[in-house]
């Protein structure tokens, strides 16, 4: 529910991960600087997430991702999986235009 602070935090956390991945692809130094500025809770949650993913690494996941990327491309999403990052960029642009972000 949107009124739940934990729910709101989890949504913002997830969106931040998408945005950071996009920044990382363009400018890894900037991405590192952004991570250093995170609130301690966000840093802890990010570390926990990375540890969890490492412990539960799926060896076939890269193949599944490649398959899904091709599936999206065949279904009129020419950028495939990268389309998700575009949605985040649109969201950030919208929030900036509305004054919700600096």
Protein backbone atom coordinates (compact mmCIF):
# COMPACT_ATOMS: atom_id res chain seq x y z
CA UNK A 1 0.00 0.00 0.00
CA UNK A 2 1.27 3.46 -0.91
CA UNK A 3 0.74 4.82 2.62
CA UNK A 4 3.12 2.24 4.06
CA UNK A 5 6.60 3.77 4.47
CA UNK A 6 8.27 0.36 4.05
CA UNK A 7 6.42 -0.21 0.79
CA UNK A 8 7.41 3.25 -0.47
CA UNK A 9 11.02 2.60 0.55
CA UNK A 10 11.10 -0.72 -1.29
CA UNK A 11 9.73 0.86 -4.48
CA UNK A 12 12.27 3.69 -4.33
CA UNK A 13 15.06 1.22 -3.55
CA UNK A 14 14.18 -0.91 -6.58
CA UNK A 15 13.94 2.13 -8.88
CA UNK A 16 17.29 3.34 -7.57
CA UNK A 17 18.89 0.03 -8.49
CA UNK A 18 17.61 0.32 -12.06
CA UNK A 19 18.83 3.90 -12.30
CA UNK A 20 22.22 3.05 -10.81
CA UNK A 21 22.66 0.20 -13.29
CA UNK A 22 22.02 2.64 -16.12
CA UNK A 23 24.49 5.18 -14.68
CA UNK A 24 27.05 2.39 -14.13
CA UNK A 25 26.89 1.51 -17.82
CA UNK A 26 27.62 5.13 -18.80
CA UNK A 27 29.92 6.36 -16.00
CA UNK A 28 31.20 3.88 -13.42
CA UNK A 29 32.98 6.59 -11.39
CA UNK A 30 29.75 8.55 -11.03
CA UNK A 31 27.92 5.39 -10.02
CA UNK A 32 30.53 4.76 -7.34
CA UNK A 33 30.17 8.33 -6.05
CA UNK A 34 26.40 7.96 -5.91
CA UNK A 35 26.69 4.72 -3.92
CA UNK A 36 29.00 6.46 -1.43
CA UNK A 37 26.31 9.09 -0.79
CA UNK A 38 23.62 6.56 0.05
CA UNK A 39 21.97 6.54 3.43
CA UNK A 40 23.45 3.80 5.65
CA UNK A 41 20.20 1.79 5.47
CA UNK A 42 20.34 1.79 1.68
CA UNK A 43 24.01 0.72 1.74
CA UNK A 44 23.17 -2.12 4.14
CA UNK A 45 20.21 -3.27 2.07
CA UNK A 46 22.28 -3.13 -1.12
CA UNK A 47 25.04 -5.20 0.52
CA UNK A 48 22.49 -7.73 1.77
CA UNK A 49 20.93 -7.96 -1.68
CA UNK A 50 24.32 -8.56 -3.33
CA UNK A 51 25.17 -11.25 -0.77
CA UNK A 52 21.80 -12.93 -1.27
CA UNK A 53 22.16 -12.91 -5.04
CA UNK A 54 25.69 -14.30 -4.77
CA UNK A 55 24.55 -17.13 -2.49
CA UNK A 56 21.67 -17.96 -4.80
CA UNK A 57 23.42 -17.53 -8.14
CA UNK A 58 21.61 -19.36 -10.89
CA UNK A 59 23.96 -20.67 -13.58
CA UNK A 60 21.24 -20.69 -16.23
CA UNK A 61 20.06 -17.13 -15.53
CA UNK A 62 22.31 -15.54 -18.21
CA UNK A 63 20.71 -17.83 -20.80
CA UNK A 64 17.22 -16.98 -19.56
CA UNK A 65 18.04 -13.26 -19.71
CA UNK A 66 19.36 -13.58 -23.25
CA UNK A 67 16.23 -15.51 -24.25
CA UNK A 68 13.98 -12.87 -22.68
CA UNK A 69 15.96 -10.06 -24.34
CA UNK A 70 15.46 -11.72 -27.73
CA UNK A 71 11.78 -12.33 -26.94
CA UNK A 72 11.27 -8.61 -26.24
CA UNK A 73 13.09 -7.67 -29.44
CA UNK A 74 10.92 -10.02 -31.49
CA UNK A 75 7.84 -8.40 -29.91
CA UNK A 76 8.49 -4.84 -31.05
CA UNK A 77 10.83 -3.81 -28.25
CA UNK A 78 13.97 -3.12 -30.33
CA UNK A 79 16.11 -2.40 -27.28
CA UNK A 80 15.00 -5.60 -25.58
CA UNK A 81 15.79 -5.79 -21.89
CA UNK A 82 17.27 -2.26 -21.93
CA UNK A 83 13.71 -0.96 -22.42
CA UNK A 84 13.26 -1.23 -18.63
CA UNK A 85 16.05 1.30 -18.10
CA UNK A 86 14.31 3.72 -20.44
CA UNK A 87 11.24 3.62 -18.22
CA UNK A 88 13.40 4.65 -15.28
CA UNK A 89 14.89 7.53 -17.28
CA UNK A 90 11.38 8.69 -18.18
CA UNK A 91 10.36 8.50 -14.53
CA UNK A 92 13.38 10.53 -13.42
CA UNK A 93 12.74 13.13 -16.13
CA UNK A 94 9.09 13.37 -15.08
CA UNK A 95 10.02 13.78 -11.41
CA UNK A 96 12.54 16.51 -12.32
CA UNK A 97 9.99 18.34 -14.47
CA UNK A 98 7.39 18.18 -11.70
CA UNK A 99 9.90 19.57 -9.20
CA UNK A 100 10.08 16.40 -7.10
CA UNK A 101 13.80 16.03 -7.87
CA UNK A 102 16.56 18.64 -8.03
